[in-house]
């Protein structure tokens, strides 16, 4: 089990963060559950913090076990009595750490509830306050400023406008816009390729969040321009000879800063922190759901490998009134897993 956990494909930054979390707990001699319960009720650990902390603890323990086993092998090759004693001591440590690792059973509440199983760690006290998402503001945003995407496009500096067009038209992840970015699993982003084929706009993405088979490594969206923004992107590609590679003019941080300033300028200060680059993705999902597009096509368009994941994004009632999407077809490198509700589930499909 330890080798399986350590053998997962992770970004270097994720691995570093996991090990940092593990050492923070290990130095105190606490498990994630003990640490969560040591917090005062007023400062209860949030689920957003608890789950990554637990994942880091699991990874750190597994990494430690694997390294200890390697040391045992080396010591066993030495015939000296002292080396054998050290090997036996390390083996006892491995057994202790293995028991700790086995106790870290998965405790993802929603999945266990769907499966009709009790919580794996029922005594853990974590903050049940839901995480705020950009999705919750989408309905009010569309009601207050129906044409907010166009307003934001006009307010953004010229060098960033193509990014806004791609975000609005495709609902892609901001990370997918940057060539050369580490996407994990040994993959590097190739950015976004735009082409015109048979009078239709074709967008090719090399997906982010594809570790452990959770996302589409590559996907294509074929769009017949309908909206103003779709026509704008189509004309831009046509002007470049029918083929264009998107290359951001600045770093991710600089672009996000430009978008934040454009939000204040175009939409007003009240929307600061409530509208960001990811809001375009929520709107894309909401428009497709509101138009009755099949769940499998929505999953492919958004780069998901399961039709369940889209439930975290905009809902049909948040669709922009009078807006239309020109999505003709979405294809991906992997099939989409269909959600099948179990008899014990009390959750309706979204």
C-alpha atoms as a PDB file:
ATOM      1  CA  UNK A   1       0.000   0.000   0.000  1.00  0.00           C
ATOM      2  CA  UNK A   2       2.836   2.378   0.869  1.00  0.00           C
ATOM      3  CA  UNK A   3       4.524   1.826  -2.491  1.00  0.00           C
ATOM      4  CA  UNK A   4       1.230   2.406  -4.290  1.00  0.00           C
ATOM      5  CA  UNK A   5       0.710   5.741  -2.511  1.00  0.00           C
ATOM      6  CA  UNK A   6       4.268   6.915  -3.164  1.00  0.00           C
ATOM      7  CA  UNK A   7       4.085   5.723  -6.771  1.00  0.00           C
ATOM      8  CA  UNK A   8       1.234   8.081  -7.640  1.00  0.00           C
ATOM      9  CA  UNK A   9       1.987  10.720 -10.231  1.00  0.00           C
ATOM     10  CA  UNK A  10       2.130  14.058  -8.417  1.00  0.00           C
ATOM     11  CA  UNK A  11       3.435  17.495  -9.203  1.00  0.00           C
ATOM     12  CA  UNK A  12       6.681  18.383  -7.454  1.00  0.00           C
ATOM     13  CA  UNK A  13       4.897  21.222  -5.621  1.00  0.00           C
ATOM     14  CA  UNK A  14       2.152  18.844  -4.406  1.00  0.00           C
ATOM     15  CA  UNK A  15       4.685  16.317  -3.168  1.00  0.00           C
ATOM     16  CA  UNK A  16       6.611  19.054  -1.359  1.00  0.00           C
ATOM     17  CA  UNK A  17       3.425  20.328   0.286  1.00  0.00           C
ATOM     18  CA  UNK A  18       2.423  16.826   1.376  1.00  0.00           C
ATOM     19  CA  UNK A  19       5.782  16.204   3.011  1.00  0.00           C
ATOM     20  CA  UNK A  20       5.654  19.578   4.745  1.00  0.00           C
ATOM     21  CA  UNK A  21       2.224  18.730   6.202  1.00  0.00           C
ATOM     22  CA  UNK A  22       3.462  15.322   7.324  1.00  0.00           C
ATOM     23  CA  UNK A  23       6.500  16.728   9.127  1.00  0.00           C
ATOM     24  CA  UNK A  24       4.373  19.362  10.858  1.00  0.00           C
ATOM     25  CA  UNK A  25       2.185  16.614  12.304  1.00  0.00           C
ATOM     26  CA  UNK A  26       4.988  14.131  12.914  1.00  0.00           C
ATOM     27  CA  UNK A  27       7.018  16.688  14.873  1.00  0.00           C
ATOM     28  CA  UNK A  28       4.062  17.066  17.236  1.00  0.00           C
ATOM     29  CA  UNK A  29       3.382  13.321  17.365  1.00  0.00           C
ATOM     30  CA  UNK A  30      -0.193  13.830  16.131  1.00  0.00           C
ATOM     31  CA  UNK A  31      -2.394  12.205  13.501  1.00  0.00           C
ATOM     32  CA  UNK A  32      -4.623  14.477  11.379  1.00  0.00           C
ATOM     33  CA  UNK A  33      -7.622  13.416  13.470  1.00  0.00           C
ATOM     34  CA  UNK A  34      -5.860  14.219  16.752  1.00  0.00           C
ATOM     35  CA  UNK A  35      -4.726  17.555  15.392  1.00  0.00           C
ATOM     36  CA  UNK A  36      -8.254  18.447  14.223  1.00  0.00           C
ATOM     37  CA  UNK A  37      -9.697  17.555  17.622  1.00  0.00           C
ATOM     38  CA  UNK A  38      -7.008  19.601  19.402  1.00  0.00           C
ATOM     39  CA  UNK A  39      -8.377  22.804  17.859  1.00  0.00           C
ATOM     40  CA  UNK A  40     -10.786  24.864  19.907  1.00  0.00           C
ATOM     41  CA  UNK A  41     -14.474  24.871  18.830  1.00  0.00           C
ATOM     42  CA  UNK A  42     -14.159  28.523  17.820  1.00  0.00           C
ATOM     43  CA  UNK A  43     -11.249  27.738  15.501  1.00  0.00           C
ATOM     44  CA  UNK A  44     -12.302  24.328  14.220  1.00  0.00           C
ATOM     45  CA  UNK A  45     -10.246  23.001  11.333  1.00  0.00           C
ATOM     46  CA  UNK A  46     -12.059  23.430   8.018  1.00  0.00           C
ATOM     47  CA  UNK A  47     -12.674  20.484   5.697  1.00  0.00           C
ATOM     48  CA  UNK A  48     -10.726  22.379   3.052  1.00  0.00           C
ATOM     49  CA  UNK A  49      -7.684  22.190   5.337  1.00  0.00           C
ATOM     50  CA  UNK A  50      -8.338  18.802   6.926  1.00  0.00           C
ATOM     51  CA  UNK A  51      -8.464  16.679   3.765  1.00  0.00           C
ATOM     52  CA  UNK A  52      -5.169  17.966   2.245  1.00  0.00           C
ATOM     53  CA  UNK A  53      -3.568  17.594   5.684  1.00  0.00           C
ATOM     54  CA  UNK A  54      -4.744  13.985   5.860  1.00  0.00           C
ATOM     55  CA  UNK A  55      -3.543  13.290   2.304  1.00  0.00           C
ATOM     56  CA  UNK A  56      -0.157  14.771   3.201  1.00  0.00           C
ATOM     57  CA  UNK A  57       0.049  12.633   6.323  1.00  0.00           C
ATOM     58  CA  UNK A  58      -0.744   9.487   4.306  1.00  0.00           C
ATOM     59  CA  UNK A  59       1.850  10.335   1.672  1.00  0.00           C
ATOM     60  CA  UNK A  60       4.510  11.202   4.256  1.00  0.00           C
ATOM     61  CA  UNK A  61       3.936   7.979   6.193  1.00  0.00           C
ATOM     62  CA  UNK A  62       4.073   5.924   3.006  1.00  0.00           C
ATOM     63  CA  UNK A  63       7.282   7.667   1.903  1.00  0.00           C
ATOM     64  CA  UNK A  64       8.836   7.029   5.318  1.00  0.00           C
ATOM     65  CA  UNK A  65       7.862   3.336   5.235  1.00  0.00           C
ATOM     66  CA  UNK A  66       9.363   2.848   1.768  1.00  0.00           C
ATOM     67  CA  UNK A  67      12.626   4.521   2.789  1.00  0.00           C
ATOM     68  CA  UNK A  68      12.823   2.468   5.988  1.00  0.00           C
ATOM     69  CA  UNK A  69      12.312  -0.768   4.042  1.00  0.00           C
ATOM     70  CA  UNK A  70      15.143   0.188   1.702  1.00  0.00           C
ATOM     71  CA  UNK A  71      17.391   0.789   4.703  1.00  0.00           C
ATOM     72  CA  UNK A  72      16.429  -2.608   6.134  1.00  0.00           C
ATOM     73  CA  UNK A  73      17.495  -4.297   2.883  1.00  0.00           C
ATOM     74  CA  UNK A  74      20.881  -2.595   3.010  1.00  0.00           C
ATOM     75  CA  UNK A  75      21.432  -3.499   6.664  1.00  0.00           C
ATOM     76  CA  UNK A  76      20.432  -7.140   6.084  1.00  0.00           C
ATOM     77  CA  UNK A  77      23.230  -7.470   3.553  1.00  0.00           C
ATOM     78  CA  UNK A  78      25.748  -6.620   6.284  1.00  0.00           C
ATOM     79  CA  UNK A  79      26.584  -9.597   8.456  1.00  0.00           C
ATOM     80  CA  UNK A  80      27.676  -7.569  11.477  1.00  0.00           C
ATOM     81  CA  UNK A  81      25.646  -7.956  14.647  1.00  0.00           C
ATOM     82  CA  UNK A  82      25.105  -4.202  15.046  1.00  0.00           C
ATOM     83  CA  UNK A  83      23.669  -3.904  11.559  1.00  0.00           C
ATOM     84  CA  UNK A  84      21.193  -6.734  12.217  1.00  0.00           C
ATOM     85  CA  UNK A  85      20.038  -5.054  15.416  1.00  0.00           C
ATOM     86  CA  UNK A  86      19.457  -1.821  13.529  1.00  0.00           C
ATOM     87  CA  UNK A  87      17.498  -3.732  10.883  1.00  0.00           C
ATOM     88  CA  UNK A  88      15.251  -5.309  13.534  1.00  0.00           C
ATOM     89  CA  UNK A  89      14.662  -1.910  15.132  1.00  0.00           C
ATOM     90  CA  UNK A  90      13.728  -0.401  11.768  1.00  0.00           C
ATOM     91  CA  UNK A  91      11.360  -3.300  11.037  1.00  0.00           C
ATOM     92  CA  UNK A  92       9.505  -2.608  14.275  1.00  0.00           C
ATOM     93  CA  UNK A  93       9.225   1.051  13.250  1.00  0.00           C
ATOM     94  CA  UNK A  94       7.877  -0.013   9.858  1.00  0.00           C
ATOM     95  CA  UNK A  95       5.153  -2.092  11.535  1.00  0.00           C
ATOM     96  CA  UNK A  96       4.174   0.829  13.763  1.00  0.00           C
ATOM     97  CA  UNK A  97       3.997   3.231  10.823  1.00  0.00           C
ATOM     98  CA  UNK A  98       2.082   0.663   8.745  1.00  0.00           C
ATOM     99  CA  UNK A  99      -0.584   0.421  11.464  1.00  0.00           C
ATOM    100  CA  UNK A 100      -0.868   4.221  11.506  1.00  0.00           C
ATOM    101  CA  UNK A 101      -1.252   4.237   7.731  1.00  0.00           C
ATOM    102  CA  UNK A 102      -3.977   1.569   7.814  1.00  0.00           C
ATOM    103  CA  UNK A 103      -5.922   3.684  10.305  1.00  0.00           C
ATOM    104  CA  UNK A 104      -6.078   6.516   7.780  1.00  0.00           C
ATOM    105  CA  UNK A 105      -9.073   5.034   5.982  1.00  0.00           C
ATOM    106  CA  UNK A 106     -10.768   7.253   3.376  1.00  0.00           C
ATOM    107  CA  UNK A 107     -13.413   9.464   4.955  1.00  0.00           C
ATOM    108  CA  UNK A 108     -14.880  11.441   2.096  1.00  0.00           C
ATOM    109  CA  UNK A 109     -18.336  11.993   3.538  1.00  0.00           C
ATOM    110  CA  UNK A 110     -20.403  12.268   0.355  1.00  0.00           C
ATOM    111  CA  UNK A 111     -18.980   9.131  -1.240  1.00  0.00           C
ATOM    112  CA  UNK A 112     -19.369   7.065   1.928  1.00  0.00           C
ATOM    113  CA  UNK A 113     -22.929   8.340   2.350  1.00  0.00           C
ATOM    114  CA  UNK A 114     -23.796   7.341  -1.224  1.00  0.00           C
ATOM    115  CA  UNK A 115     -22.338   3.889  -0.553  1.00  0.00           C
ATOM    116  CA  UNK A 116     -24.354   3.542   2.646  1.00  0.00           C
ATOM    117  CA  UNK A 117     -21.247   3.387   4.843  1.00  0.00           C
ATOM    118  CA  UNK A 118     -20.635   5.207   8.140  1.00  0.00           C
ATOM    119  CA  UNK A 119     -17.961   7.868   8.511  1.00  0.00           C
ATOM    120  CA  UNK A 120     -14.458   6.434   8.807  1.00  0.00           C
ATOM    121  CA  UNK A 121     -13.523   8.959  11.500  1.00  0.00           C
ATOM    122  CA  UNK A 122     -16.810   9.942  13.188  1.00  0.00           C
ATOM    123  CA  UNK A 123     -15.122  11.644  16.148  1.00  0.00           C
ATOM    124  CA  UNK A 124     -13.200  14.161  14.045  1.00  0.00           C
ATOM    125  CA  UNK A 125     -14.377  17.699  14.724  1.00  0.00           C
ATOM    126  CA  UNK A 126     -14.098  19.847  11.604  1.00  0.00           C
ATOM    127  CA  UNK A 127     -15.785  23.061  10.555  1.00  0.00           C
ATOM    128  CA  UNK A 128     -18.894  22.155   8.546  1.00  0.00           C
ATOM    129  CA  UNK A 129     -19.220  25.660   7.071  1.00  0.00           C
ATOM    130  CA  UNK A 130     -19.368  25.222   3.274  1.00  0.00           C
ATOM    131  CA  UNK A 131     -16.608  26.616   1.130  1.00  0.00           C
ATOM    132  CA  UNK A 132     -17.576  29.728  -0.779  1.00  0.00           C
ATOM    133  CA  UNK A 133     -17.531  29.300  -4.540  1.00  0.00           C
ATOM    134  CA  UNK A 134     -17.725  31.748  -7.436  1.00  0.00           C
ATOM    135  CA  UNK A 135     -20.782  29.764  -8.542  1.00  0.00           C
ATOM    136  CA  UNK A 136     -22.983  31.159  -5.788  1.00  0.00           C
ATOM    137  CA  UNK A 137     -22.648  34.696  -7.187  1.00  0.00           C
ATOM    138  CA  UNK A 138     -23.370  33.783 -10.808  1.00  0.00           C
ATOM    139  CA  UNK A 139     -27.150  34.136 -10.643  1.00  0.00           C
ATOM    140  CA  UNK A 140     -26.994  37.584  -9.050  1.00  0.00           C
ATOM    141  CA  UNK A 141     -24.270  38.629 -11.499  1.00  0.00           C
ATOM    142  CA  UNK A 142     -26.392  37.718 -14.536  1.00  0.00           C
ATOM    143  CA  UNK A 143     -29.382  39.512 -13.048  1.00  0.00           C
ATOM    144  CA  UNK A 144     -27.426  42.677 -12.248  1.00  0.00           C
ATOM    145  CA  UNK A 145     -25.198  42.783 -15.345  1.00  0.00           C
ATOM    146  CA  UNK A 146     -26.602  40.443 -18.055  1.00  0.00           C
ATOM    147  CA  UNK A 147     -23.783  41.302 -20.464  1.00  0.00           C
ATOM    148  CA  UNK A 148     -20.971  40.995 -17.905  1.00  0.00           C
ATOM    149  CA  UNK A 149     -18.668  38.895 -20.107  1.00  0.00           C
ATOM    150  CA  UNK A 150     -18.639  41.507 -22.866  1.00  0.00           C
ATOM    151  CA  UNK A 151     -18.195  44.331 -20.345  1.00  0.00           C
ATOM    152  CA  UNK A 152     -15.203  42.544 -18.853  1.00  0.00           C
ATOM    153  CA  UNK A 153     -13.763  41.915 -22.321  1.00  0.00           C
ATOM    154  CA  UNK A 154     -13.928  45.643 -23.119  1.00  0.00           C
ATOM    155  CA  UNK A 155     -12.277  46.611 -19.828  1.00  0.00           C
ATOM    156  CA  UNK A 156      -9.336  44.195 -20.055  1.00  0.00           C
ATOM    157  CA  UNK A 157      -6.084  45.484 -21.624  1.00  0.00           C
ATOM    158  CA  UNK A 158      -5.661  44.670 -25.322  1.00  0.00           C
ATOM    159  CA  UNK A 159      -2.848  42.141 -24.782  1.00  0.00           C
ATOM    160  CA  UNK A 160      -5.081  39.942 -22.588  1.00  0.00           C
ATOM    161  CA  UNK A 161      -8.272  40.038 -24.661  1.00  0.00           C
ATOM    162  CA  UNK A 162      -7.625  36.794 -26.517  1.00  0.00           C
ATOM    163  CA  UNK A 163      -7.464  34.964 -23.173  1.00  0.00           C
ATOM    164  CA  UNK A 164     -10.861  36.355 -22.185  1.00  0.00           C
ATOM    165  CA  UNK A 165     -12.280  35.284 -25.537  1.00  0.00           C
ATOM    166  CA  UNK A 166     -10.979  31.727 -25.128  1.00  0.00           C
ATOM    167  CA  UNK A 167     -12.228  31.520 -21.521  1.00  0.00           C
ATOM    168  CA  UNK A 168     -15.673  32.811 -22.456  1.00  0.00           C
ATOM    169  CA  UNK A 169     -16.047  30.628 -25.548  1.00  0.00           C
ATOM    170  CA  UNK A 170     -14.646  27.354 -24.162  1.00  0.00           C
ATOM    171  CA  UNK A 171     -14.959  27.488 -20.364  1.00  0.00           C
ATOM    172  CA  UNK A 172     -11.428  26.077 -20.115  1.00  0.00           C
ATOM    173  CA  UNK A 173      -9.299  26.046 -16.978  1.00  0.00           C
ATOM    174  CA  UNK A 174      -6.977  29.090 -16.753  1.00  0.00           C
ATOM    175  CA  UNK A 175      -4.009  26.731 -16.252  1.00  0.00           C
ATOM    176  CA  UNK A 176      -4.590  25.242 -19.707  1.00  0.00           C
ATOM    177  CA  UNK A 177      -3.780  28.540 -21.395  1.00  0.00           C
ATOM    178  CA  UNK A 178      -0.079  28.523 -20.539  1.00  0.00           C
ATOM    179  CA  UNK A 179       2.370  26.582 -22.764  1.00  0.00           C
ATOM    180  CA  UNK A 180       5.096  24.797 -20.837  1.00  0.00           C
ATOM    181  CA  UNK A 181       3.154  24.593 -17.559  1.00  0.00           C
ATOM    182  CA  UNK A 182       3.559  21.381 -15.567  1.00  0.00           C
ATOM    183  CA  UNK A 183       0.218  19.543 -15.628  1.00  0.00           C
ATOM    184  CA  UNK A 184       1.402  16.538 -13.597  1.00  0.00           C
ATOM    185  CA  UNK A 185       1.804  12.898 -14.645  1.00  0.00           C
ATOM    186  CA  UNK A 186       4.814  13.917 -16.738  1.00  0.00           C
ATOM    187  CA  UNK A 187       2.649  16.112 -18.977  1.00  0.00           C
ATOM    188  CA  UNK A 188       3.423  19.668 -20.022  1.00  0.00           C
ATOM    189  CA  UNK A 189       0.802  22.040 -21.358  1.00  0.00           C
ATOM    190  CA  UNK A 190       1.042  22.872 -25.032  1.00  0.00           C
ATOM    191  CA  UNK A 191      -1.330  25.783 -24.644  1.00  0.00           C
ATOM    192  CA  UNK A 192      -4.428  26.165 -26.787  1.00  0.00           C
ATOM    193  CA  UNK A 193      -4.511  25.634 -30.539  1.00  0.00           C
ATOM    194  CA  UNK A 194      -7.238  27.374 -32.539  1.00  0.00           C
ATOM    195  CA  UNK A 195      -8.146  26.328 -36.094  1.00  0.00           C
ATOM    196  CA  UNK A 196     -10.914  26.915 -38.589  1.00  0.00           C
ATOM    197  CA  UNK A 197     -12.226  23.792 -40.287  1.00  0.00           C
ATOM    198  CA  UNK A 198     -15.284  23.749 -42.568  1.00  0.00           C
ATOM    199  CA  UNK A 199     -16.306  27.233 -41.371  1.00  0.00           C
ATOM    200  CA  UNK A 200     -16.247  26.063 -37.761  1.00  0.00           C
ATOM    201  CA  UNK A 201     -13.919  27.020 -34.928  1.00  0.00           C
ATOM    202  CA  UNK A 202     -11.946  24.112 -33.447  1.00  0.00           C
ATOM    203  CA  UNK A 203     -10.225  24.538 -30.073  1.00  0.00           C
ATOM    204  CA  UNK A 204      -7.701  21.935 -28.925  1.00  0.00           C
ATOM    205  CA  UNK A 205      -6.730  21.719 -25.253  1.00  0.00           C
ATOM    206  CA  UNK A 206      -4.170  19.663 -23.357  1.00  0.00           C
ATOM    207  CA  UNK A 207      -5.994  19.328 -20.062  1.00  0.00           C
ATOM    208  CA  UNK A 208      -4.929  20.214 -16.563  1.00  0.00           C
ATOM    209  CA  UNK A 209      -5.917  18.085 -13.527  1.00  0.00           C
ATOM    210  CA  UNK A 210      -5.381  14.823 -15.365  1.00  0.00           C
ATOM    211  CA  UNK A 211      -3.588  12.899 -12.597  1.00  0.00           C
ATOM    212  CA  UNK A 212      -4.853   9.380 -11.812  1.00  0.00           C
ATOM    213  CA  UNK A 213      -7.086   9.439 -14.893  1.00  0.00           C
ATOM    214  CA  UNK A 214      -9.395  12.133 -13.517  1.00  0.00           C
ATOM    215  CA  UNK A 215      -9.417  14.417 -16.567  1.00  0.00           C
ATOM    216  CA  UNK A 216      -9.233  14.467 -20.336  1.00  0.00           C
ATOM    217  CA  UNK A 217      -5.569  14.569 -21.363  1.00  0.00           C
ATOM    218  CA  UNK A 218      -6.618  16.082 -24.677  1.00  0.00           C
ATOM    219  CA  UNK A 219      -9.954  17.406 -25.900  1.00  0.00           C
ATOM    220  CA  UNK A 220     -11.382  19.274 -28.862  1.00  0.00           C
ATOM    221  CA  UNK A 221     -14.345  21.607 -29.051  1.00  0.00           C
ATOM    222  CA  UNK A 222     -15.985  22.282 -32.408  1.00  0.00           C
ATOM    223  CA  UNK A 223     -17.987  25.503 -32.392  1.00  0.00           C
ATOM    224  CA  UNK A 224     -20.210  27.081 -35.018  1.00  0.00           C
ATOM    225  CA  UNK A 225     -20.070  30.780 -34.031  1.00  0.00           C
ATOM    226  CA  UNK A 226     -23.355  32.058 -32.638  1.00  0.00           C
ATOM    227  CA  UNK A 227     -22.588  34.541 -29.860  1.00  0.00           C
ATOM    228  CA  UNK A 228     -20.759  37.838 -30.242  1.00  0.00           C
ATOM    229  CA  UNK A 229     -17.693  36.509 -28.407  1.00  0.00           C
ATOM    230  CA  UNK A 230     -17.610  33.331 -30.510  1.00  0.00           C
ATOM    231  CA  UNK A 231     -17.759  35.417 -33.680  1.00  0.00           C
ATOM    232  CA  UNK A 232     -14.986  37.632 -32.325  1.00  0.00           C
ATOM    233  CA  UNK A 233     -12.681  34.683 -31.698  1.00  0.00           C
ATOM    234  CA  UNK A 234     -13.565  33.166 -35.085  1.00  0.00           C
ATOM    235  CA  UNK A 235     -12.648  36.385 -36.924  1.00  0.00           C
ATOM    236  CA  UNK A 236      -9.392  36.659 -34.992  1.00  0.00           C
ATOM    237  CA  UNK A 237      -8.318  33.152 -36.031  1.00  0.00           C
ATOM    238  CA  UNK A 238      -9.456  33.785 -39.604  1.00  0.00           C
ATOM    239  CA  UNK A 239      -7.329  36.926 -39.698  1.00  0.00           C
ATOM    240  CA  UNK A 240      -4.290  34.811 -38.739  1.00  0.00           C
ATOM    241  CA  UNK A 241      -4.799  32.453 -41.681  1.00  0.00           C
ATOM    242  CA  UNK A 242      -7.080  29.956 -39.995  1.00  0.00           C
ATOM    243  CA  UNK A 243      -4.645  28.756 -37.337  1.00  0.00           C
ATOM    244  CA  UNK A 244      -3.504  30.360 -34.095  1.00  0.00           C
ATOM    245  CA  UNK A 245      -1.699  29.273 -30.921  1.00  0.00           C
ATOM    246  CA  UNK A 246      -2.625  31.141 -27.772  1.00  0.00           C
ATOM    247  CA  UNK A 247       0.384  32.570 -25.962  1.00  0.00           C
ATOM    248  CA  UNK A 248      -0.381  34.721 -22.895  1.00  0.00           C
ATOM    249  CA  UNK A 249       1.450  38.037 -22.896  1.00  0.00           C
ATOM    250  CA  UNK A 250       2.260  37.817 -19.185  1.00  0.00           C
ATOM    251  CA  UNK A 251       2.512  35.458 -16.231  1.00  0.00           C
ATOM    252  CA  UNK A 252      -0.495  33.808 -14.624  1.00  0.00           C
ATOM    253  CA  UNK A 253      -0.245  36.172 -11.666  1.00  0.00           C
ATOM    254  CA  UNK A 254      -0.088  39.268 -13.897  1.00  0.00           C
ATOM    255  CA  UNK A 255      -3.096  38.144 -15.936  1.00  0.00           C
ATOM    256  CA  UNK A 256      -5.168  37.451 -12.822  1.00  0.00           C
ATOM    257  CA  UNK A 257      -4.241  40.897 -11.505  1.00  0.00           C
ATOM    258  CA  UNK A 258      -5.363  42.465 -14.795  1.00  0.00           C
ATOM    259  CA  UNK A 259      -8.672  40.585 -14.628  1.00  0.00           C
ATOM    260  CA  UNK A 260      -9.233  41.722 -11.032  1.00  0.00           C
ATOM    261  CA  UNK A 261      -8.690  45.351 -12.005  1.00  0.00           C
ATOM    262  CA  UNK A 262     -10.966  44.932 -15.033  1.00  0.00           C
ATOM    263  CA  UNK A 263     -13.700  43.513 -12.780  1.00  0.00           C
ATOM    264  CA  UNK A 264     -13.595  46.623 -10.594  1.00  0.00           C
ATOM    265  CA  UNK A 265     -13.537  48.926 -13.625  1.00  0.00           C
ATOM    266  CA  UNK A 266     -16.296  47.216 -15.611  1.00  0.00           C
ATOM    267  CA  UNK A 267     -18.554  45.678 -12.959  1.00  0.00           C
ATOM    268  CA  UNK A 268     -17.860  47.716  -9.845  1.00  0.00           C
ATOM    269  CA  UNK A 269     -16.113  47.190  -6.504  1.00  0.00           C
ATOM    270  CA  UNK A 270     -18.944  45.062  -5.155  1.00  0.00           C
ATOM    271  CA  UNK A 271     -17.868  42.238  -7.494  1.00  0.00           C
ATOM    272  CA  UNK A 272     -14.225  42.231  -6.418  1.00  0.00           C
ATOM    273  CA  UNK A 273     -13.324  38.729  -5.232  1.00  0.00           C
ATOM    274  CA  UNK A 274     -16.644  37.391  -6.538  1.00  0.00           C
ATOM    275  CA  UNK A 275     -15.790  37.345 -10.249  1.00  0.00           C
ATOM    276  CA  UNK A 276     -12.576  35.856 -11.607  1.00  0.00           C
ATOM    277  CA  UNK A 277     -11.245  33.849 -14.535  1.00  0.00           C
ATOM    278  CA  UNK A 278     -12.973  30.738 -13.168  1.00  0.00           C
ATOM    279  CA  UNK A 279     -16.364  32.497 -13.345  1.00  0.00           C
ATOM    280  CA  UNK A 280     -16.272  32.070 -17.130  1.00  0.00           C
ATOM    281  CA  UNK A 281     -16.030  28.304 -16.592  1.00  0.00           C
ATOM    282  CA  UNK A 282     -19.067  28.304 -14.303  1.00  0.00           C
ATOM    283  CA  UNK A 283     -21.017  30.343 -16.857  1.00  0.00           C
ATOM    284  CA  UNK A 284     -20.017  27.964 -19.655  1.00  0.00           C
ATOM    285  CA  UNK A 285     -21.358  24.993 -17.672  1.00  0.00           C
ATOM    286  CA  UNK A 286     -24.560  26.833 -16.728  1.00  0.00           C
ATOM    287  CA  UNK A 287     -25.287  27.789 -20.343  1.00  0.00           C
ATOM    288  CA  UNK A 288     -24.760  24.232 -21.604  1.00  0.00           C
ATOM    289  CA  UNK A 289     -26.959  22.769 -18.863  1.00  0.00           C
ATOM    290  CA  UNK A 290     -29.646  25.382 -19.496  1.00  0.00           C
ATOM    291  CA  UNK A 291     -29.606  24.547 -23.203  1.00  0.00           C
ATOM    292  CA  UNK A 292     -30.188  20.864 -22.454  1.00  0.00           C
ATOM    293  CA  UNK A 293     -26.842  19.618 -23.756  1.00  0.00           C
ATOM    294  CA  UNK A 294     -26.192  15.957 -22.895  1.00  0.00           C
ATOM    295  CA  UNK A 295     -24.170  15.368 -19.718  1.00  0.00           C
ATOM    296  CA  UNK A 296     -21.548  13.379 -21.606  1.00  0.00           C
ATOM    297  CA  UNK A 297     -20.947  16.273 -24.008  1.00  0.00           C
ATOM    298  CA  UNK A 298     -20.725  18.745 -21.118  1.00  0.00           C
ATOM    299  CA  UNK A 299     -18.164  16.498 -19.413  1.00  0.00           C
ATOM    300  CA  UNK A 300     -16.059  16.271 -22.585  1.00  0.00           C
ATOM    301  CA  UNK A 301     -16.296  20.015 -23.211  1.00  0.00           C
ATOM    302  CA  UNK A 302     -15.097  20.773 -19.682  1.00  0.00           C
ATOM    303  CA  UNK A 303     -12.340  18.156 -19.692  1.00  0.00           C
ATOM    304  CA  UNK A 304     -13.924  15.734 -17.208  1.00  0.00           C
ATOM    305  CA  UNK A 305     -13.793  11.925 -17.233  1.00  0.00           C
ATOM    306  CA  UNK A 306     -17.017  11.587 -15.252  1.00  0.00           C
ATOM    307  CA  UNK A 307     -20.418  13.186 -15.811  1.00  0.00           C
ATOM    308  CA  UNK A 308     -20.616  13.666 -12.039  1.00  0.00           C
ATOM    309  CA  UNK A 309     -17.915  16.363 -11.800  1.00  0.00           C
ATOM    310  CA  UNK A 310     -19.967  18.983 -13.646  1.00  0.00           C
ATOM    311  CA  UNK A 311     -22.201  19.130 -10.577  1.00  0.00           C
ATOM    312  CA  UNK A 312     -19.619  21.418  -8.967  1.00  0.00           C
ATOM    313  CA  UNK A 313     -20.105  24.081 -11.664  1.00  0.00           C
ATOM    314  CA  UNK A 314     -22.851  26.475 -12.741  1.00  0.00           C
ATOM    315  CA  UNK A 315     -26.419  25.164 -12.747  1.00  0.00           C
ATOM    316  CA  UNK A 316     -29.107  25.495 -15.437  1.00  0.00           C
ATOM    317  CA  UNK A 317     -31.035  28.291 -13.693  1.00  0.00           C
ATOM    318  CA  UNK A 318     -27.882  30.469 -13.854  1.00  0.00           C
ATOM    319  CA  UNK A 319     -27.908  30.419 -17.648  1.00  0.00           C
ATOM    320  CA  UNK A 320     -27.653  33.842 -19.252  1.00  0.00           C
ATOM    321  CA  UNK A 321     -31.064  34.744 -20.634  1.00  0.00           C
ATOM    322  CA  UNK A 322     -31.143  35.077 -24.410  1.00  0.00           C
ATOM    323  CA  UNK A 323     -27.580  33.792 -24.785  1.00  0.00           C
ATOM    324  CA  UNK A 324     -26.719  30.919 -27.097  1.00  0.00           C
ATOM    325  CA  UNK A 325     -23.716  28.621 -27.375  1.00  0.00           C
ATOM    326  CA  UNK A 326     -22.444  27.344 -30.706  1.00  0.00           C
ATOM    327  CA  UNK A 327     -20.980  24.104 -29.400  1.00  0.00           C
ATOM    328  CA  UNK A 328     -21.452  21.478 -32.111  1.00  0.00           C
ATOM    329  CA  UNK A 329     -19.390  18.638 -30.687  1.00  0.00           C
ATOM    330  CA  UNK A 330     -16.840  17.910 -27.985  1.00  0.00           C
ATOM    331  CA  UNK A 331     -14.425  14.970 -28.121  1.00  0.00           C
ATOM    332  CA  UNK A 332     -11.849  13.720 -25.655  1.00  0.00           C
ATOM    333  CA  UNK A 333      -8.993  11.270 -25.275  1.00  0.00           C
ATOM    334  CA  UNK A 334     -10.894   9.148 -22.717  1.00  0.00           C
ATOM    335  CA  UNK A 335     -14.475   7.847 -22.405  1.00  0.00           C
ATOM    336  CA  UNK A 336     -16.764   9.529 -19.890  1.00  0.00           C
ATOM    337  CA  UNK A 337     -17.868   7.482 -16.899  1.00  0.00           C
ATOM    338  CA  UNK A 338     -21.608   7.664 -16.432  1.00  0.00           C
ATOM    339  CA  UNK A 339     -23.039   8.250 -12.993  1.00  0.00           C
ATOM    340  CA  UNK A 340     -25.294   5.500 -11.665  1.00  0.00           C
ATOM    341  CA  UNK A 341     -27.202   6.314  -8.491  1.00  0.00           C
ATOM    342  CA  UNK A 342     -27.316   3.518  -5.946  1.00  0.00           C
ATOM    343  CA  UNK A 343     -30.578   2.564  -4.164  1.00  0.00           C
ATOM    344  CA  UNK A 344     -29.225   3.879  -0.846  1.00  0.00           C
ATOM    345  CA  UNK A 345     -28.446   7.283  -2.317  1.00  0.00           C
ATOM    346  CA  UNK A 346     -30.655  10.208  -1.334  1.00  0.00           C
ATOM    347  CA  UNK A 347     -29.022  12.508  -3.835  1.00  0.00           C
ATOM    348  CA  UNK A 348     -30.774  13.443  -7.058  1.00  0.00           C
ATOM    349  CA  UNK A 349     -28.858  13.886 -10.318  1.00  0.00           C
ATOM    350  CA  UNK A 350     -27.666  17.357 -11.234  1.00  0.00           C
END
